[in-house]
Full PDB file with SEQRES, HELIX, SHEET, SSBOND, CRYST1, ORIGX, SCALE, CONECT and MASTER records, all heavy atoms in Angstrom:
SEQRES   1 A   40  LYS GLY TYR LEU THR GLY GLY GLY ALA ARG ASN ALA ALA          
SEQRES   2 A   40  PHE TYR ALA ARG TRP VAL ASP TRP GLU ALA GLU LEU GLU          
SEQRES   3 A   40  GLY TRP GLN ARG ASP LEU LEU TYR ASP PRO GLN THR SER          
SEQRES   4 A   40  GLY                                                          
HELIX    1 AA1 GLY A    6  TYR A   15  1                                  10    
HELIX    2 AA2 ALA A   16  TRP A   18  5                                   3    
HELIX    3 AA3 GLY A   27  TYR A   34  1                                   8    
CRYST1    1.000    1.000    1.000  90.00  90.00  90.00 P 1           1          
ORIGX1      1.000000  0.000000  0.000000        0.00000                         
ORIGX2      0.000000  1.000000  0.000000        0.00000                         
ORIGX3      0.000000  0.000000  1.000000        0.00000                         
SCALE1      1.000000  0.000000  0.000000        0.00000                         
SCALE2      0.000000  1.000000  0.000000        0.00000                         
SCALE3      0.000000  0.000000  1.000000        0.00000                         
ATOM      1  N   LYS A   1      -9.349  -9.840   1.811  1.00  0.00           N  
ATOM      2  CA  LYS A   1     -10.794  -9.609   1.702  1.00  0.00           C  
ATOM      3  C   LYS A   1     -11.133  -8.163   1.377  1.00  0.00           C  
ATOM      4  O   LYS A   1     -12.311  -7.815   1.228  1.00  0.00           O  
ATOM      5  CB  LYS A   1     -11.480 -10.038   3.000  1.00  0.00           C  
ATOM      6  CG  LYS A   1     -11.437 -11.551   3.226  1.00  0.00           C  
ATOM      7  CD  LYS A   1     -12.171 -11.942   4.501  1.00  0.00           C  
ATOM      8  CE  LYS A   1     -12.181 -13.460   4.684  1.00  0.00           C  
ATOM      9  NZ  LYS A   1     -12.895 -13.873   5.918  1.00  0.00           N  
ATOM     10  N   GLY A   2     -10.103  -7.310   1.288  1.00  0.00           N  
ATOM     11  CA  GLY A   2     -10.335  -5.943   0.853  1.00  0.00           C  
ATOM     12  C   GLY A   2     -10.757  -4.970   1.925  1.00  0.00           C  
ATOM     13  O   GLY A   2     -11.346  -3.924   1.622  1.00  0.00           O  
ATOM     14  N   TYR A   3     -10.429  -5.242   3.200  1.00  0.00           N  
ATOM     15  CA  TYR A   3     -10.775  -4.320   4.284  1.00  0.00           C  
ATOM     16  C   TYR A   3      -9.678  -3.249   4.386  1.00  0.00           C  
ATOM     17  O   TYR A   3      -8.834  -3.274   5.277  1.00  0.00           O  
ATOM     18  CB  TYR A   3     -10.925  -5.071   5.607  1.00  0.00           C  
ATOM     19  CG  TYR A   3     -12.026  -6.092   5.578  1.00  0.00           C  
ATOM     20  CD1 TYR A   3     -11.813  -7.400   6.012  1.00  0.00           C  
ATOM     21  CD2 TYR A   3     -13.301  -5.765   5.100  1.00  0.00           C  
ATOM     22  CE1 TYR A   3     -12.831  -8.334   5.983  1.00  0.00           C  
ATOM     23  CE2 TYR A   3     -14.327  -6.697   5.065  1.00  0.00           C  
ATOM     24  CZ  TYR A   3     -14.078  -7.986   5.505  1.00  0.00           C  
ATOM     25  OH  TYR A   3     -15.081  -8.919   5.465  1.00  0.00           O  
ATOM     26  N   LEU A   4      -9.718  -2.323   3.452  1.00  0.00           N  
ATOM     27  CA  LEU A   4      -8.648  -1.356   3.295  1.00  0.00           C  
ATOM     28  C   LEU A   4      -9.084   0.020   3.772  1.00  0.00           C  
ATOM     29  O   LEU A   4     -10.271   0.328   3.839  1.00  0.00           O  
ATOM     30  CB  LEU A   4      -8.226  -1.281   1.820  1.00  0.00           C  
ATOM     31  CG  LEU A   4      -7.937  -2.619   1.143  1.00  0.00           C  
ATOM     32  CD1 LEU A   4      -7.587  -2.407  -0.319  1.00  0.00           C  
ATOM     33  CD2 LEU A   4      -6.820  -3.369   1.863  1.00  0.00           C  
ATOM     34  N   THR A   5      -8.110   0.860   4.057  1.00  0.00           N  
ATOM     35  CA  THR A   5      -8.371   2.225   4.510  1.00  0.00           C  
ATOM     36  C   THR A   5      -8.271   3.199   3.345  1.00  0.00           C  
ATOM     37  O   THR A   5      -7.540   2.963   2.371  1.00  0.00           O  
ATOM     38  CB  THR A   5      -7.362   2.645   5.581  1.00  0.00           C  
ATOM     39  OG1 THR A   5      -6.070   2.724   4.976  1.00  0.00           O  
ATOM     40  CG2 THR A   5      -7.321   1.637   6.735  1.00  0.00           C  
ATOM     41  N   GLY A   6      -8.964   4.326   3.464  1.00  0.00           N  
ATOM     42  CA  GLY A   6      -8.807   5.393   2.486  1.00  0.00           C  
ATOM     43  C   GLY A   6      -7.403   5.957   2.502  1.00  0.00           C  
ATOM     44  O   GLY A   6      -6.850   6.346   1.467  1.00  0.00           O  
ATOM     45  N   GLY A   7      -6.791   5.989   3.696  1.00  0.00           N  
ATOM     46  CA  GLY A   7      -5.424   6.491   3.807  1.00  0.00           C  
ATOM     47  C   GLY A   7      -4.434   5.645   3.031  1.00  0.00           C  
ATOM     48  O   GLY A   7      -3.482   6.166   2.447  1.00  0.00           O  
ATOM     49  N   GLY A   8      -4.652   4.336   2.996  1.00  0.00           N  
ATOM     50  CA  GLY A   8      -3.772   3.464   2.233  1.00  0.00           C  
ATOM     51  C   GLY A   8      -3.839   3.773   0.743  1.00  0.00           C  
ATOM     52  O   GLY A   8      -2.814   3.788   0.047  1.00  0.00           O  
ATOM     53  N   ALA A   9      -5.048   4.031   0.241  1.00  0.00           N  
ATOM     54  CA  ALA A   9      -5.201   4.378  -1.173  1.00  0.00           C  
ATOM     55  C   ALA A   9      -4.506   5.704  -1.483  1.00  0.00           C  
ATOM     56  O   ALA A   9      -3.868   5.856  -2.539  1.00  0.00           O  
ATOM     57  CB  ALA A   9      -6.683   4.449  -1.524  1.00  0.00           C  
ATOM     58  N   ARG A  10      -4.617   6.681  -0.579  1.00  0.00           N  
ATOM     59  CA  ARG A  10      -3.947   7.969  -0.799  1.00  0.00           C  
ATOM     60  C   ARG A  10      -2.423   7.799  -0.757  1.00  0.00           C  
ATOM     61  O   ARG A  10      -1.699   8.435  -1.531  1.00  0.00           O  
ATOM     62  CB  ARG A  10      -4.416   8.980   0.238  1.00  0.00           C  
ATOM     63  CG  ARG A  10      -5.861   9.434   0.045  1.00  0.00           C  
ATOM     64  CD  ARG A  10      -6.217  10.581   0.966  1.00  0.00           C  
ATOM     65  NE  ARG A  10      -6.304  10.167   2.357  1.00  0.00           N  
ATOM     66  CZ  ARG A  10      -7.406   9.709   2.936  1.00  0.00           C  
ATOM     67  NH1 ARG A  10      -8.516   9.581   2.230  1.00  0.00           N  
ATOM     68  NH2 ARG A  10      -7.408   9.366   4.214  1.00  0.00           N  
ATOM     69  N   ASN A  11      -1.940   6.951   0.153  1.00  0.00           N  
ATOM     70  CA  ASN A  11      -0.499   6.686   0.197  1.00  0.00           C  
ATOM     71  C   ASN A  11      -0.019   6.085  -1.115  1.00  0.00           C  
ATOM     72  O   ASN A  11       1.019   6.478  -1.654  1.00  0.00           O  
ATOM     73  CB  ASN A  11      -0.170   5.742   1.351  1.00  0.00           C  
ATOM     74  CG  ASN A  11      -0.281   6.409   2.706  1.00  0.00           C  
ATOM     75  OD1 ASN A  11      -0.269   7.633   2.817  1.00  0.00           O  
ATOM     76  ND2 ASN A  11      -0.386   5.606   3.754  1.00  0.00           N  
ATOM     77  N   ALA A  12      -0.760   5.109  -1.626  1.00  0.00           N  
ATOM     78  CA  ALA A  12      -0.368   4.452  -2.875  1.00  0.00           C  
ATOM     79  C   ALA A  12      -0.348   5.455  -4.026  1.00  0.00           C  
ATOM     80  O   ALA A  12       0.577   5.454  -4.860  1.00  0.00           O  
ATOM     81  CB  ALA A  12      -1.312   3.296  -3.178  1.00  0.00           C  
ATOM     82  N   ALA A  13      -1.365   6.319  -4.084  1.00  0.00           N  
ATOM     83  CA  ALA A  13      -1.441   7.295  -5.177  1.00  0.00           C  
ATOM     84  C   ALA A  13      -0.258   8.258  -5.157  1.00  0.00           C  
ATOM     85  O   ALA A  13       0.227   8.682  -6.218  1.00  0.00           O  
ATOM     86  CB  ALA A  13      -2.757   8.069  -5.079  1.00  0.00           C  
ATOM     87  N   PHE A  14       0.227   8.594  -3.973  1.00  0.00           N  
ATOM     88  CA  PHE A  14       1.306   9.577  -3.873  1.00  0.00           C  
ATOM     89  C   PHE A  14       2.691   8.944  -3.972  1.00  0.00           C  
ATOM     90  O   PHE A  14       3.566   9.450  -4.680  1.00  0.00           O  
ATOM     91  CB  PHE A  14       1.185  10.342  -2.552  1.00  0.00           C  
ATOM     92  CG  PHE A  14       2.212  11.433  -2.380  1.00  0.00           C  
ATOM     93  CD1 PHE A  14       2.165  12.572  -3.173  1.00  0.00           C  
ATOM     94  CD2 PHE A  14       3.222  11.321  -1.438  1.00  0.00           C  
ATOM     95  CE1 PHE A  14       3.107  13.581  -3.020  1.00  0.00           C  
ATOM     96  CE2 PHE A  14       4.161  12.321  -1.278  1.00  0.00           C  
ATOM     97  CZ  PHE A  14       4.102  13.455  -2.071  1.00  0.00           C  
ATOM     98  N   TYR A  15       2.920   7.835  -3.273  1.00  0.00           N  
ATOM     99  CA  TYR A  15       4.268   7.284  -3.160  1.00  0.00           C  
ATOM    100  C   TYR A  15       4.629   6.293  -4.259  1.00  0.00           C  
ATOM    101  O   TYR A  15       5.805   5.939  -4.401  1.00  0.00           O  
ATOM    102  CB  TYR A  15       4.443   6.604  -1.794  1.00  0.00           C  
ATOM    103  CG  TYR A  15       4.471   7.584  -0.648  1.00  0.00           C  
ATOM    104  CD1 TYR A  15       3.446   7.617   0.298  1.00  0.00           C  
ATOM    105  CD2 TYR A  15       5.516   8.492  -0.508  1.00  0.00           C  
ATOM    106  CE1 TYR A  15       3.458   8.523   1.341  1.00  0.00           C  
ATOM    107  CE2 TYR A  15       5.542   9.404   0.540  1.00  0.00           C  
ATOM    108  CZ  TYR A  15       4.509   9.411   1.456  1.00  0.00           C  
ATOM    109  OH  TYR A  15       4.534  10.319   2.489  1.00  0.00           O  
ATOM    110  N   ALA A  16       3.658   5.854  -5.058  1.00  0.00           N  
ATOM    111  CA  ALA A  16       3.936   4.838  -6.076  1.00  0.00           C  
ATOM    112  C   ALA A  16       5.020   5.276  -7.047  1.00  0.00           C  
ATOM    113  O   ALA A  16       5.768   4.452  -7.579  1.00  0.00           O  
ATOM    114  CB  ALA A  16       2.653   4.499  -6.837  1.00  0.00           C  
ATOM    115  N   ARG A  17       5.150   6.568  -7.287  1.00  0.00           N  
ATOM    116  CA  ARG A  17       6.140   7.073  -8.260  1.00  0.00           C  
ATOM    117  C   ARG A  17       7.569   6.773  -7.828  1.00  0.00           C  
ATOM    118  O   ARG A  17       8.484   6.815  -8.672  1.00  0.00           O  
ATOM    119  CB  ARG A  17       5.931   8.573  -8.453  1.00  0.00           C  
ATOM    120  CG  ARG A  17       6.328   9.455  -7.262  1.00  0.00           C  
ATOM    121  CD  ARG A  17       5.730  10.843  -7.322  1.00  0.00           C  
ATOM    122  NE  ARG A  17       4.318  10.820  -6.935  1.00  0.00           N  
ATOM    123  CZ  ARG A  17       3.569  11.906  -6.854  1.00  0.00           C  
ATOM    124  NH1 ARG A  17       4.093  13.084  -7.153  1.00  0.00           N  
ATOM    125  NH2 ARG A  17       2.296  11.822  -6.489  1.00  0.00           N  
ATOM    126  N   TRP A  18       7.782   6.500  -6.534  1.00  0.00           N  
ATOM    127  CA  TRP A  18       9.134   6.223  -6.045  1.00  0.00           C  
ATOM    128  C   TRP A  18       9.375   4.737  -5.758  1.00  0.00           C  
ATOM    129  O   TRP A  18      10.455   4.380  -5.292  1.00  0.00           O  
ATOM    130  CB  TRP A  18       9.405   7.021  -4.769  1.00  0.00           C  
ATOM    131  CG  TRP A  18       9.475   8.495  -5.019  1.00  0.00           C  
ATOM    132  CD1 TRP A  18      10.452   9.176  -5.703  1.00  0.00           C  
ATOM    133  CD2 TRP A  18       8.521   9.488  -4.593  1.00  0.00           C  
ATOM    134  NE1 TRP A  18      10.167  10.518  -5.730  1.00  0.00           N  
ATOM    135  CE2 TRP A  18       8.995  10.741  -5.052  1.00  0.00           C  
ATOM    136  CE3 TRP A  18       7.337   9.433  -3.877  1.00  0.00           C  
ATOM    137  CZ2 TRP A  18       8.306  11.925  -4.815  1.00  0.00           C  
ATOM    138  CZ3 TRP A  18       6.643  10.607  -3.639  1.00  0.00           C  
ATOM    139  CH2 TRP A  18       7.123  11.846  -4.107  1.00  0.00           C  
ATOM    140  N   VAL A  19       8.386   3.901  -6.000  1.00  0.00           N  
ATOM    141  CA  VAL A  19       8.487   2.482  -5.644  1.00  0.00           C  
ATOM    142  C   VAL A  19       8.678   1.631  -6.892  1.00  0.00           C  
ATOM    143  O   VAL A  19       7.936   1.767  -7.870  1.00  0.00           O  
ATOM    144  CB  VAL A  19       7.229   2.015  -4.878  1.00  0.00           C  
ATOM    145  CG1 VAL A  19       7.344   0.538  -4.517  1.00  0.00           C  
ATOM    146  CG2 VAL A  19       7.035   2.856  -3.610  1.00  0.00           C  
ATOM    147  N   ASP A  20       9.676   0.755  -6.855  1.00  0.00           N  
ATOM    148  CA  ASP A  20       9.903  -0.224  -7.918  1.00  0.00           C  
ATOM    149  C   ASP A  20       9.604  -1.619  -7.370  1.00  0.00           C  
ATOM    150  O   ASP A  20      10.125  -2.003  -6.313  1.00  0.00           O  
ATOM    151  CB  ASP A  20      11.355  -0.170  -8.408  1.00  0.00           C  
ATOM    152  CG  ASP A  20      11.672   1.114  -9.157  1.00  0.00           C  
ATOM    153  OD1 ASP A  20      10.735   1.687  -9.748  1.00  0.00           O  
ATOM    154  OD2 ASP A  20      12.838   1.537  -9.142  1.00  0.00           O  
ATOM    155  N   TRP A  21       8.780  -2.364  -8.084  1.00  0.00           N  
ATOM    156  CA  TRP A  21       8.357  -3.688  -7.633  1.00  0.00           C  
ATOM    157  C   TRP A  21       9.155  -4.753  -8.377  1.00  0.00           C  
ATOM    158  O   TRP A  21       8.794  -5.157  -9.469  1.00  0.00           O  
ATOM    159  CB  TRP A  21       6.863  -3.878  -7.865  1.00  0.00           C  
ATOM    160  CG  TRP A  21       6.024  -2.839  -7.182  1.00  0.00           C  
ATOM    161  CD1 TRP A  21       5.550  -1.679  -7.713  1.00  0.00           C  
ATOM    162  CD2 TRP A  21       5.579  -2.867  -5.826  1.00  0.00           C  
ATOM    163  NE1 TRP A  21       4.840  -0.976  -6.763  1.00  0.00           N  
ATOM    164  CE2 TRP A  21       4.838  -1.675  -5.596  1.00  0.00           C  
ATOM    165  CE3 TRP A  21       5.730  -3.775  -4.767  1.00  0.00           C  
ATOM    166  CZ2 TRP A  21       4.250  -1.382  -4.378  1.00  0.00           C  
ATOM    167  CZ3 TRP A  21       5.149  -3.481  -3.542  1.00  0.00           C  
ATOM    168  CH2 TRP A  21       4.420  -2.309  -3.352  1.00  0.00           C  
ATOM    169  N   GLU A  22      10.250  -5.209  -7.782  1.00  0.00           N  
ATOM    170  CA  GLU A  22      10.999  -6.306  -8.379  1.00  0.00           C  
ATOM    171  C   GLU A  22      10.400  -7.650  -7.994  1.00  0.00           C  
ATOM    172  O   GLU A  22      10.600  -8.642  -8.691  1.00  0.00           O  
ATOM    173  CB  GLU A  22      12.468  -6.217  -7.976  1.00  0.00           C  
ATOM    174  CG  GLU A  22      13.171  -5.010  -8.580  1.00  0.00           C  
ATOM    175  CD  GLU A  22      14.669  -5.071  -8.441  1.00  0.00           C  
ATOM    176  OE1 GLU A  22      15.170  -6.050  -7.835  1.00  0.00           O  
ATOM    177  OE2 GLU A  22      15.343  -4.133  -8.922  1.00  0.00           O  
ATOM    178  N   ALA A  23       9.677  -7.681  -6.890  1.00  0.00           N  
ATOM    179  CA  ALA A  23       8.933  -8.879  -6.508  1.00  0.00           C  
ATOM    180  C   ALA A  23       7.543  -8.818  -7.140  1.00  0.00           C  
ATOM    181  O   ALA A  23       6.943  -7.749  -7.246  1.00  0.00           O  
ATOM    182  CB  ALA A  23       8.810  -8.972  -4.987  1.00  0.00           C  
ATOM    183  N   GLU A  24       7.040  -9.963  -7.575  1.00  0.00           N  
ATOM    184  CA  GLU A  24       5.707 -10.019  -8.163  1.00  0.00           C  
ATOM    185  C   GLU A  24       4.683 -10.207  -7.034  1.00  0.00           C  
ATOM    186  O   GLU A  24       4.281 -11.312  -6.708  1.00  0.00           O  
ATOM    187  CB  GLU A  24       5.621 -11.168  -9.173  1.00  0.00           C  
ATOM    188  CG  GLU A  24       6.505 -10.958 -10.394  1.00  0.00           C  
ATOM    189  CD  GLU A  24       6.336 -12.055 -11.435  1.00  0.00           C  
ATOM    190  OE1 GLU A  24       5.454 -12.926 -11.237  1.00  0.00           O  
ATOM    191  OE2 GLU A  24       7.083 -12.048 -12.416  1.00  0.00           O  
ATOM    192  N   LEU A  25       4.282  -9.084  -6.468  1.00  0.00           N  
ATOM    193  CA  LEU A  25       3.369  -9.120  -5.329  1.00  0.00           C  
ATOM    194  C   LEU A  25       1.928  -8.983  -5.793  1.00  0.00           C  
ATOM    195  O   LEU A  25       1.635  -8.287  -6.769  1.00  0.00           O  
ATOM    196  CB  LEU A  25       3.686  -7.995  -4.342  1.00  0.00           C  
ATOM    197  CG  LEU A  25       5.087  -7.992  -3.720  1.00  0.00           C  
ATOM    198  CD1 LEU A  25       5.152  -6.932  -2.626  1.00  0.00           C  
ATOM    199  CD2 LEU A  25       5.440  -9.348  -3.148  1.00  0.00           C  
ATOM    200  N   GLU A  26       1.039  -9.634  -5.047  1.00  0.00           N  
ATOM    201  CA  GLU A  26      -0.389  -9.478  -5.295  1.00  0.00           C  
ATOM    202  C   GLU A  26      -0.858  -8.141  -4.732  1.00  0.00           C  
ATOM    203  O   GLU A  26      -0.172  -7.503  -3.923  1.00  0.00           O  
ATOM    204  CB  GLU A  26      -1.158 -10.628  -4.651  1.00  0.00           C  
ATOM    205  CG  GLU A  26      -0.815 -11.996  -5.218  1.00  0.00           C  
ATOM    206  CD  GLU A  26      -1.615 -13.090  -4.560  1.00  0.00           C  
ATOM    207  OE1 GLU A  26      -2.819 -12.867  -4.287  1.00  0.00           O  
ATOM    208  OE2 GLU A  26      -1.046 -14.162  -4.311  1.00  0.00           O  
ATOM    209  N   GLY A  27      -2.057  -7.729  -5.137  1.00  0.00           N  
ATOM    210  CA  GLY A  27      -2.578  -6.443  -4.696  1.00  0.00           C  
ATOM    211  C   GLY A  27      -2.671  -6.323  -3.194  1.00  0.00           C  
ATOM    212  O   GLY A  27      -2.353  -5.270  -2.615  1.00  0.00           O  
ATOM    213  N   TRP A  28      -3.080  -7.377  -2.500  1.00  0.00           N  
ATOM    214  CA  TRP A  28      -3.235  -7.301  -1.041  1.00  0.00           C  
ATOM    215  C   TRP A  28      -1.889  -7.091  -0.358  1.00  0.00           C  
ATOM    216  O   TRP A  28      -1.820  -6.437   0.694  1.00  0.00           O  
ATOM    217  CB  TRP A  28      -3.931  -8.541  -0.507  1.00  0.00           C  
ATOM    218  CG  TRP A  28      -3.134  -9.817  -0.606  1.00  0.00           C  
ATOM    219  CD1 TRP A  28      -3.169 -10.721  -1.623  1.00  0.00           C  
ATOM    220  CD2 TRP A  28      -2.182 -10.318   0.341  1.00  0.00           C  
ATOM    221  NE1 TRP A  28      -2.294 -11.759  -1.383  1.00  0.00           N  
ATOM    222  CE2 TRP A  28      -1.682 -11.538  -0.178  1.00  0.00           C  
ATOM    223  CE3 TRP A  28      -1.702  -9.865   1.566  1.00  0.00           C  
ATOM    224  CZ2 TRP A  28      -0.738 -12.316   0.482  1.00  0.00           C  
ATOM    225  CZ3 TRP A  28      -0.747 -10.630   2.237  1.00  0.00           C  
ATOM    226  CH2 TRP A  28      -0.277 -11.840   1.695  1.00  0.00           C  
ATOM    227  N   GLN A  29      -0.814  -7.632  -0.940  1.00  0.00           N  
ATOM    228  CA  GLN A  29       0.514  -7.446  -0.364  1.00  0.00           C  
ATOM    229  C   GLN A  29       0.963  -5.991  -0.500  1.00  0.00           C  
ATOM    230  O   GLN A  29       1.514  -5.412   0.443  1.00  0.00           O  
ATOM    231  CB  GLN A  29       1.504  -8.392  -1.048  1.00  0.00           C  
ATOM    232  CG  GLN A  29       1.202  -9.867  -0.776  1.00  0.00           C  
ATOM    233  CD  GLN A  29       2.019 -10.790  -1.651  1.00  0.00           C  
ATOM    234  OE1 GLN A  29       2.087 -10.615  -2.872  1.00  0.00           O  
ATOM    235  NE2 GLN A  29       2.646 -11.786  -1.051  1.00  0.00           N  
ATOM    236  N   ARG A  30       0.706  -5.414  -1.648  1.00  0.00           N  
ATOM    237  CA  ARG A  30       1.035  -4.003  -1.832  1.00  0.00           C  
ATOM    238  C   ARG A  30       0.203  -3.133  -0.904  1.00  0.00           C  
ATOM    239  O   ARG A  30       0.699  -2.138  -0.354  1.00  0.00           O  
ATOM    240  CB  ARG A  30       0.807  -3.606  -3.293  1.00  0.00           C  
ATOM    241  CG  ARG A  30       1.679  -4.355  -4.279  1.00  0.00           C  
ATOM    242  CD  ARG A  30       1.537  -3.795  -5.682  1.00  0.00           C  
ATOM    243  NE  ARG A  30       2.316  -4.558  -6.652  1.00  0.00           N  
ATOM    244  CZ  ARG A  30       2.753  -4.106  -7.812  1.00  0.00           C  
ATOM    245  NH1 ARG A  30       2.478  -2.852  -8.164  1.00  0.00           N  
ATOM    246  NH2 ARG A  30       3.441  -4.857  -8.635  1.00  0.00           N  
ATOM    247  N   ASP A  31      -1.069  -3.504  -0.725  1.00  0.00           N  
ATOM    248  CA  ASP A  31      -1.939  -2.747   0.168  1.00  0.00           C  
ATOM    249  C   ASP A  31      -1.373  -2.703   1.587  1.00  0.00           C  
ATOM    250  O   ASP A  31      -1.427  -1.659   2.254  1.00  0.00           O  
ATOM    251  CB  ASP A  31      -3.337  -3.363   0.195  1.00  0.00           C  
ATOM    252  CG  ASP A  31      -4.080  -3.195  -1.122  1.00  0.00           C  
ATOM    253  OD1 ASP A  31      -3.786  -2.229  -1.855  1.00  0.00           O  
ATOM    254  OD2 ASP A  31      -4.955  -4.036  -1.414  1.00  0.00           O  
ATOM    255  N   LEU A  32      -0.822  -3.811   2.050  1.00  0.00           N  
ATOM    256  CA  LEU A  32      -0.262  -3.842   3.397  1.00  0.00           C  
ATOM    257  C   LEU A  32       0.957  -2.940   3.522  1.00  0.00           C  
ATOM    258  O   LEU A  32       1.165  -2.303   4.559  1.00  0.00           O  
ATOM    259  CB  LEU A  32       0.107  -5.279   3.778  1.00  0.00           C  
ATOM    260  CG  LEU A  32      -1.043  -6.110   4.347  1.00  0.00           C  
ATOM    261  CD1 LEU A  32      -0.723  -7.593   4.300  1.00  0.00           C  
ATOM    262  CD2 LEU A  32      -1.327  -5.683   5.788  1.00  0.00           C  
ATOM    263  N   LEU A  33       1.754  -2.844   2.491  1.00  0.00           N  
ATOM    264  CA  LEU A  33       2.943  -1.993   2.549  1.00  0.00           C  
ATOM    265  C   LEU A  33       2.590  -0.510   2.527  1.00  0.00           C  
ATOM    266  O   LEU A  33       3.364   0.326   3.002  1.00  0.00           O  
ATOM    267  CB  LEU A  33       3.888  -2.327   1.391  1.00  0.00           C  
ATOM    268  CG  LEU A  33       4.524  -3.716   1.462  1.00  0.00           C  
ATOM    269  CD1 LEU A  33       5.333  -3.996   0.205  1.00  0.00           C  
ATOM    270  CD2 LEU A  33       5.410  -3.853   2.694  1.00  0.00           C  
ATOM    271  N   TYR A  34       1.421  -0.178   1.977  1.00  0.00           N  
ATOM    272  CA  TYR A  34       0.943   1.213   1.994  1.00  0.00           C  
ATOM    273  C   TYR A  34       0.022   1.493   3.180  1.00  0.00           C  
ATOM    274  O   TYR A  34      -0.366   2.648   3.403  1.00  0.00           O  
ATOM    275  CB  TYR A  34       0.171   1.513   0.707  1.00  0.00           C  
ATOM    276  CG  TYR A  34       1.014   1.722  -0.525  1.00  0.00           C  
ATOM    277  CD1 TYR A  34       0.879   0.901  -1.641  1.00  0.00           C  
ATOM    278  CD2 TYR A  34       1.948   2.762  -0.582  1.00  0.00           C  
ATOM    279  CE1 TYR A  34       1.645   1.111  -2.792  1.00  0.00           C  
ATOM    280  CE2 TYR A  34       2.723   2.968  -1.721  1.00  0.00           C  
ATOM    281  CZ  TYR A  34       2.558   2.141  -2.820  1.00  0.00           C  
ATOM    282  OH  TYR A  34       3.327   2.360  -3.949  1.00  0.00           O  
ATOM    283  N   ASP A  35      -0.354   0.478   3.934  1.00  0.00           N  
ATOM    284  CA  ASP A  35      -1.348   0.610   4.994  1.00  0.00           C  
ATOM    285  C   ASP A  35      -0.911   1.615   6.062  1.00  0.00           C  
ATOM    286  O   ASP A  35       0.176   1.486   6.630  1.00  0.00           O  
ATOM    287  CB  ASP A  35      -1.561  -0.763   5.648  1.00  0.00           C  
ATOM    288  CG  ASP A  35      -2.642  -0.749   6.713  1.00  0.00           C  
ATOM    289  OD1 ASP A  35      -3.709  -0.154   6.470  1.00  0.00           O  
ATOM    290  OD2 ASP A  35      -2.425  -1.339   7.794  1.00  0.00           O  
ATOM    291  N   PRO A  36      -1.723   2.642   6.371  1.00  0.00           N  
ATOM    292  CA  PRO A  36      -1.374   3.578   7.450  1.00  0.00           C  
ATOM    293  C   PRO A  36      -1.341   2.850   8.791  1.00  0.00           C  
ATOM    294  O   PRO A  36      -2.241   2.065   9.103  1.00  0.00           O  
ATOM    295  CB  PRO A  36      -2.511   4.604   7.427  1.00  0.00           C  
ATOM    296  CG  PRO A  36      -3.190   4.423   6.114  1.00  0.00           C  
ATOM    297  CD  PRO A  36      -3.008   2.988   5.744  1.00  0.00           C  
ATOM    298  N   GLN A  37      -0.329   3.129   9.559  1.00  0.00           N  
ATOM    299  CA  GLN A  37      -0.180   2.495  10.866  1.00  0.00           C  
ATOM    300  C   GLN A  37      -0.484   3.490  11.974  1.00  0.00           C  
ATOM    301  O   GLN A  37      -0.093   4.658  11.889  1.00  0.00           O  
ATOM    302  CB  GLN A  37       1.239   1.960  11.043  1.00  0.00           C  
ATOM    303  CG  GLN A  37       1.671   0.971   9.976  1.00  0.00           C  
ATOM    304  CD  GLN A  37       0.755  -0.229   9.915  1.00  0.00           C  
ATOM    305  OE1 GLN A  37       0.764  -1.082  10.795  1.00  0.00           O  
ATOM    306  NE2 GLN A  37      -0.057  -0.302   8.868  1.00  0.00           N  
ATOM    307  N   THR A  38      -1.164   3.026  12.983  1.00  0.00           N  
ATOM    308  CA  THR A  38      -1.340   3.799  14.215  1.00  0.00           C  
ATOM    309  C   THR A  38      -0.379   3.238  15.245  1.00  0.00           C  
ATOM    310  O   THR A  38      -0.400   2.034  15.516  1.00  0.00           O  
ATOM    311  CB  THR A  38      -2.780   3.694  14.725  1.00  0.00           C  
ATOM    312  OG1 THR A  38      -3.681   4.217  13.745  1.00  0.00           O  
ATOM    313  CG2 THR A  38      -2.939   4.475  16.030  1.00  0.00           C  
ATOM    314  N   SER A  39       0.479   4.088  15.786  1.00  0.00           N  
ATOM    315  CA  SER A  39       1.471   3.664  16.773  1.00  0.00           C  
ATOM    316  C   SER A  39       2.247   2.460  16.277  1.00  0.00           C  
ATOM    317  O   SER A  39       2.372   1.434  16.948  1.00  0.00           O  
ATOM    318  CB  SER A  39       0.803   3.342  18.118  1.00  0.00           C  
ATOM    319  OG  SER A  39       1.753   3.155  19.150  1.00  0.00           O  
ATOM    320  N   GLY A  40       2.784   2.595  15.047  1.00  0.00           N  
ATOM    321  CA  GLY A  40       3.584   1.526  14.467  1.00  0.00           C  
ATOM    322  C   GLY A  40       4.979   1.491  15.062  1.00  0.00           C  
ATOM    323  O   GLY A  40       5.309   2.211  16.006  1.00  0.00           O  
TER     324      GLY A  40                                                      
MASTER        0    0    0    3    0    0    0    6  323    1    0    4          
END                                                                             
């Protein structure tokens, strides 16, 4: 539903250069992998 954090977008912008997507993931799946965690 797009309830995303600004931190997740900043993570994606910075770390995407090192990530290779061999799986065909939807946008929401990628968002979860970049999602900032509190006490993860």
